[in-house]
Amino acid sequence: MIPSALRERLARRLPVLSVSVAALTVLGPFGTFQDMSLSGRLAYWGGLLLAGTLEFDLVILMARRVLGNHARRWPWTLAAAILTVSLIQTVIVAALEQQRRGVTVVSPSSLAELYGYVLVITLLVSAVPIWLELRRHGLIDARSTPPSTVAPPAVTPETTPASPLNAAPFLDRIPAKLGRDLLALEMEDHYIRVHTRLGSDLILLRLRDAVAELTGIDGLQVHRSHWVAASAVATAERNADGKLTLILTDGRRVPVSRRCNAAVRAAGWAERDGGASHTQS
């Protein structure tokens, strides 16, 4: 079964990938316009771009395991992925040239020239999808809430200062369309899924790094894969094996690990609405 995060990425890339394949098929770089039919060029460039996409995902996955999944390392991870994928694609193109036209590309200067061409095409084809992914996950062009047309009230002894909720750095990573009413965070593959009252979205970040940026927000990490805001907990249920499950205000069910059980009880979440007495068979 394909992970949902991978399915979403492939679905988002399909329009740009299709346009790129169509453009290269029509333009026919590397002499493919003269040497190949329309269907041949479509197969050639479609295969190369699909292979490059899969190679890119694999290289990114390996880079994260080596460098870690910290958001601050994304420029190095991205640069390494582009250079590596271009190198792999150069080898593939050289092999195709040998098979297609009998042209042997083995000298260092010929390989370097071919690598330059492949690198340029890789950058052109991947620029838009990479930019969209980085912006989607808050790594560039960080969004902030739209400025209000009403002047904010002056802070006086009678007025209440801004809530710490608005100062948590993590909230700037959440897409504006989801607002800032955070309910929960959930690990999903190499991403975290952010749940708010307006919906959910994926962000490229480790859960522990996200939790570190949530200082000032009342909430707990209740499982190695879940963080929950205190305001999101409606009730709690105790399962037949004694483990707790939190029922959130949006109906989402979140498991509580045994390691986090004491913290959840100390916060009073287990007794909300008498949920601790509910037993599941």
Protein backbone atom coordinates (compact mmCIF):
# COMPACT_ATOMS: atom_id res chain seq x y z
CA MET A 1 0.00 0.00 0.00
CA ILE A 2 1.36 3.42 -1.01
CA PRO A 3 1.74 5.78 1.98
CA SER A 4 -0.81 8.60 1.90
CA ALA A 5 1.93 11.25 2.01
CA LEU A 6 3.53 9.77 -1.11
CA ARG A 7 0.17 9.57 -2.87
CA GLU A 8 -0.47 13.23 -2.11
CA ARG A 9 2.96 14.27 -3.39
CA LEU A 10 2.51 12.31 -6.63
CA ALA A 11 -0.95 13.77 -7.14
CA ARG A 12 0.36 17.32 -6.64
CA ARG A 13 3.26 16.74 -9.05
CA LEU A 14 1.22 15.14 -11.83
CA PRO A 15 0.03 18.40 -13.49
CA VAL A 16 3.54 19.95 -13.57
CA LEU A 17 5.08 16.63 -14.63
CA SER A 18 2.58 16.29 -17.48
CA VAL A 19 3.27 19.83 -18.72
CA SER A 20 7.05 19.24 -18.54
CA VAL A 21 6.82 15.98 -20.50
CA ALA A 22 4.62 17.66 -23.12
CA ALA A 23 7.02 20.60 -23.50
CA LEU A 24 10.11 18.40 -23.86
CA THR A 25 8.27 16.14 -26.28
CA VAL A 26 7.44 19.11 -28.51
CA LEU A 27 10.84 20.81 -28.22
CA GLY A 28 12.86 17.60 -28.55
CA PRO A 29 16.20 18.48 -26.86
CA PHE A 30 19.33 16.33 -27.34
CA GLY A 31 18.42 15.79 -30.97
CA THR A 32 15.31 13.80 -30.12
CA PHE A 33 13.18 16.02 -32.37
CA GLN A 34 15.12 14.96 -35.47
CA ASP A 35 15.73 11.34 -34.51
CA MET A 36 12.43 10.29 -32.93
CA SER A 37 8.76 10.23 -33.76
CA LEU A 38 6.25 12.03 -31.56
CA SER A 39 5.37 8.84 -29.70
CA GLY A 40 9.05 8.01 -29.31
CA ARG A 41 9.81 11.41 -27.81
CA LEU A 42 6.84 11.07 -25.49
CA ALA A 43 8.10 7.72 -24.22
CA TYR A 44 11.70 8.99 -23.98
CA TRP A 45 10.98 12.15 -21.99
CA GLY A 46 8.11 10.65 -20.02
CA GLY A 47 10.35 7.79 -18.90
CA LEU A 48 13.26 10.10 -18.03
CA LEU A 49 11.12 12.51 -15.99
CA LEU A 50 9.28 9.74 -14.18
CA ALA A 51 12.60 8.06 -13.36
CA GLY A 52 13.99 11.38 -12.17
CA THR A 53 10.98 11.95 -9.90
CA LEU A 54 11.36 8.53 -8.29
CA GLU A 55 15.13 9.01 -7.96
CA PHE A 56 14.57 12.40 -6.31
CA ASP A 57 12.22 10.93 -3.69
CA LEU A 58 14.67 8.11 -2.96
CA VAL A 59 17.65 10.47 -2.64
CA ILE A 60 15.65 12.83 -0.37
CA LEU A 61 14.68 9.87 1.82
CA MET A 62 18.30 8.72 2.12
CA ALA A 63 19.52 12.26 2.77
CA ARG A 64 17.04 12.70 5.61
CA ARG A 65 18.25 9.53 7.23
CA VAL A 66 21.85 10.76 7.04
CA LEU A 67 21.35 14.46 7.77
CA GLY A 68 18.20 14.16 9.83
CA ASN A 69 14.81 15.69 9.05
CA HIS A 70 15.54 19.10 10.56
CA ALA A 71 13.96 21.90 8.59
CA ARG A 72 17.12 24.04 8.75
CA ARG A 73 19.03 21.45 6.71
CA TRP A 74 16.67 21.49 3.74
CA PRO A 75 18.96 23.62 1.45
CA TRP A 76 21.79 21.07 1.76
CA THR A 77 19.41 18.15 1.36
CA LEU A 78 17.84 19.72 -1.71
CA ALA A 79 21.18 20.61 -3.33
CA ALA A 80 22.53 17.11 -2.72
CA ALA A 81 19.38 15.57 -4.21
CA ILE A 82 19.48 17.69 -7.38
CA LEU A 83 23.18 17.07 -8.01
CA THR A 84 22.84 13.34 -7.34
CA VAL A 85 19.73 12.90 -9.50
CA SER A 86 21.41 14.84 -12.33
CA LEU A 87 24.40 12.48 -12.10
CA ILE A 88 22.19 9.40 -12.26
CA GLN A 89 20.21 10.86 -15.15
CA THR A 90 23.47 11.64 -17.00
CA VAL A 91 24.43 7.98 -16.85
CA ILE A 92 20.97 6.98 -18.09
CA VAL A 93 21.04 9.51 -20.96
CA ALA A 94 24.54 8.38 -21.95
CA ALA A 95 23.32 4.78 -22.09
CA LEU A 96 20.27 5.81 -24.15
CA GLU A 97 22.46 7.78 -26.55
CA GLN A 98 24.66 4.72 -27.03
CA GLN A 99 21.62 2.56 -27.73
CA ARG A 100 19.66 5.10 -29.78
CA ARG A 101 22.37 6.67 -31.98
CA GLY A 102 25.46 4.62 -31.28
CA VAL A 103 27.14 7.66 -29.71
CA THR A 104 29.58 6.69 -26.98
CA VAL A 105 29.89 9.28 -24.20
CA VAL A 106 32.82 8.16 -22.08
CA SER A 107 35.44 10.93 -22.11
CA PRO A 108 35.51 13.21 -19.04
CA SER A 109 34.85 16.31 -21.12
CA SER A 110 31.86 14.72 -22.92
CA LEU A 111 30.39 13.46 -19.66
CA ALA A 112 30.90 16.85 -18.02
CA GLU A 113 29.16 18.58 -20.92
CA LEU A 114 26.29 16.09 -20.84
CA TYR A 115 26.02 16.49 -17.06
CA GLY A 116 25.70 20.25 -17.52
CA TYR A 117 22.83 19.84 -19.97
CA VAL A 118 21.07 17.33 -17.72
CA LEU A 119 21.54 19.56 -14.67
CA VAL A 120 19.98 22.53 -16.47
CA ILE A 121 16.97 20.49 -17.58
CA THR A 122 16.62 19.00 -14.08
CA LEU A 123 16.59 22.48 -12.55
CA LEU A 124 14.08 23.80 -15.08
CA VAL A 125 11.73 20.83 -14.73
CA SER A 126 11.93 20.60 -10.94
CA ALA A 127 11.93 24.31 -10.07
CA VAL A 128 8.16 24.74 -9.87
CA PRO A 129 7.28 21.50 -8.01
CA ILE A 130 10.16 22.01 -5.55
CA TRP A 131 9.11 25.61 -4.90
CA LEU A 132 5.50 24.53 -4.36
CA GLU A 133 6.55 21.77 -1.93
CA LEU A 134 8.83 24.09 0.06
CA ARG A 135 6.16 26.75 0.27
CA ARG A 136 3.49 24.19 1.12
CA HIS A 137 5.51 22.95 4.09
CA GLY A 138 6.45 26.40 5.34
CA LEU A 139 10.18 26.19 4.51
CA ILE A 140 10.08 29.29 2.31
CA ASP A 141 7.75 32.24 1.98
CA ALA A 142 6.42 31.75 5.52
CA ARG A 143 2.88 32.93 5.69
CA SER A 144 1.48 35.10 8.43
CA THR A 145 -2.07 35.95 9.23
CA PRO A 146 -3.47 38.80 7.07
CA PRO A 147 -3.08 42.20 8.70
CA SER A 148 -6.20 43.52 10.31
CA THR A 149 -7.84 46.65 8.96
CA VAL A 150 -8.76 47.59 12.54
CA ALA A 151 -6.06 49.13 14.67
CA PRO A 152 -5.12 46.89 17.62
CA PRO A 153 -6.01 48.18 21.06
CA ALA A 154 -3.28 49.74 23.13
CA VAL A 155 -1.92 47.57 25.92
CA THR A 156 -3.01 49.15 29.18
CA PRO A 157 -3.50 47.70 32.65
CA GLU A 158 -7.16 47.16 31.69
CA THR A 159 -6.43 45.25 28.47
CA THR A 160 -5.14 41.68 28.16
CA PRO A 161 -1.77 41.13 26.46
CA ALA A 162 -1.60 38.85 23.42
CA SER A 163 -2.04 35.18 24.22
CA PRO A 164 1.13 33.04 24.21
CA LEU A 165 -0.67 31.02 21.53
CA ASN A 166 0.12 33.72 18.97
CA ALA A 167 3.81 33.73 19.89
CA ALA A 168 4.54 30.02 19.28
CA PRO A 169 7.00 29.81 16.34
CA PHE A 170 5.37 26.66 14.99
CA LEU A 171 2.13 28.48 14.19
CA ASP A 172 3.90 30.45 11.45
CA ARG A 173 4.44 27.16 9.62
CA ILE A 174 0.72 26.40 9.36
CA PRO A 175 -0.82 27.35 5.99
CA ALA A 176 -3.01 30.42 6.38
CA LYS A 177 -6.07 28.56 5.08
CA LEU A 178 -6.04 26.39 8.24
CA GLY A 179 -6.01 29.27 10.69
CA ARG A 180 -4.26 28.98 14.05
CA ASP A 181 -6.76 27.02 16.13
CA LEU A 182 -4.45 24.02 16.52
CA LEU A 183 -5.97 20.71 17.62
CA ALA A 184 -3.29 18.08 17.17
CA LEU A 185 -0.12 16.99 15.39
CA GLU A 186 0.36 13.51 13.95
CA MET A 187 3.47 11.87 12.49
CA GLU A 188 2.93 10.61 8.95
CA ASP A 189 5.88 9.05 7.13
CA HIS A 190 8.58 11.75 7.16
CA TYR A 191 6.11 14.58 7.75
CA ILE A 192 3.77 15.73 10.46
CA ARG A 193 0.10 16.25 9.73
CA VAL A 194 -1.28 19.40 11.32
CA HIS A 195 -4.93 19.28 12.40
CA THR A 196 -6.87 22.50 13.05
CA ARG A 197 -10.57 23.25 13.25
CA LEU A 198 -10.46 24.21 9.56
CA GLY A 199 -8.77 21.08 8.22
CA SER A 200 -5.37 19.42 7.99
CA ASP A 201 -2.16 19.57 5.97
CA LEU A 202 1.34 18.08 5.86
CA ILE A 203 4.47 19.93 6.99
CA LEU A 204 8.06 18.77 6.53
CA LEU A 205 9.28 18.66 10.13
CA ARG A 206 10.01 16.16 12.87
CA LEU A 207 7.45 15.93 15.66
CA ARG A 208 10.00 16.62 18.37
CA ASP A 209 11.11 19.80 16.57
CA ALA A 210 7.48 20.89 16.22
CA VAL A 211 6.82 20.28 19.92
CA ALA A 212 9.90 22.37 20.77
CA GLU A 213 8.35 25.25 18.79
CA LEU A 214 5.00 24.97 20.61
CA THR A 215 6.27 26.52 23.84
CA GLY A 216 3.47 28.55 25.39
CA ILE A 217 0.65 26.42 23.98
CA ASP A 218 -1.19 24.25 26.49
CA GLY A 219 -0.79 20.73 25.16
CA LEU A 220 0.99 17.40 25.56
CA GLN A 221 2.77 14.83 23.47
CA VAL A 222 0.61 11.81 24.34
CA HIS A 223 2.30 9.27 22.06
CA ARG A 224 5.53 9.05 20.08
CA SER A 225 3.44 9.97 17.01
CA HIS A 226 0.88 12.38 18.49
CA TRP A 227 0.71 15.78 20.17
CA VAL A 228 -2.65 17.17 21.35
CA ALA A 229 -3.76 20.65 22.43
CA ALA A 230 -5.52 20.77 25.79
CA SER A 231 -8.47 22.66 24.33
CA ALA A 232 -9.02 19.89 21.76
CA VAL A 233 -9.68 17.11 24.28
CA ALA A 234 -13.40 16.39 24.68
CA THR A 235 -13.39 13.08 26.55
CA ALA A 236 -11.18 10.09 27.24
CA GLU A 237 -11.90 6.39 27.06
CA ARG A 238 -10.14 3.53 28.75
CA ASN A 239 -9.68 0.50 26.49
CA ALA A 240 -10.03 -3.11 27.60
CA ASP A 241 -6.23 -3.34 27.96
CA GLY A 242 -6.17 -0.32 30.28
CA LYS A 243 -4.77 2.13 27.71
CA LEU A 244 -6.36 5.55 27.28
CA THR A 245 -7.74 6.96 24.05
CA LEU A 246 -8.46 10.68 23.79
CA ILE A 247 -11.56 11.78 21.89
CA LEU A 248 -10.97 15.21 20.38
CA THR A 249 -13.56 17.88 19.70
CA ASP A 250 -13.53 17.02 15.98
CA GLY A 251 -14.19 13.33 16.69
CA ARG A 252 -10.60 12.26 16.13
CA ARG A 253 -9.36 9.42 18.35
CA VAL A 254 -5.79 9.67 19.61
CA PRO A 255 -4.04 6.84 21.51
CA VAL A 256 -2.14 7.56 24.71
CA SER A 257 1.05 5.56 25.21
CA ARG A 258 1.77 4.01 28.62
CA ARG A 259 4.80 6.27 28.95
CA CYS A 260 2.59 9.37 28.60
CA ASN A 261 -0.30 8.01 30.65
CA ALA A 262 0.79 9.67 33.92
CA ALA A 263 1.19 13.10 32.29
CA VAL A 264 -2.25 12.87 30.70
CA ARG A 265 -3.83 11.96 34.04
CA ALA A 266 -1.92 14.70 35.84
CA ALA A 267 -3.32 17.20 33.33
CA GLY A 268 -6.84 16.02 34.18
CA TRP A 269 -7.62 14.93 30.63
CA ALA A 270 -8.52 11.36 31.62
CA GLU A 271 -11.42 12.58 33.74
CA ARG A 272 -13.00 14.97 31.25
CA ASP A 273 -16.76 14.43 30.96
CA GLY A 274 -16.40 11.22 32.90
CA GLY A 275 -14.64 9.65 29.90
CA ALA A 276 -12.24 7.68 32.04
CA SER A 277 -15.07 5.44 33.14
CA HIS A 278 -16.03 4.50 29.56
CA THR A 279 -14.85 1.03 28.69
CA GLN A 280 -14.46 -0.38 25.19
CA SER A 281 -14.83 -4.07 24.58
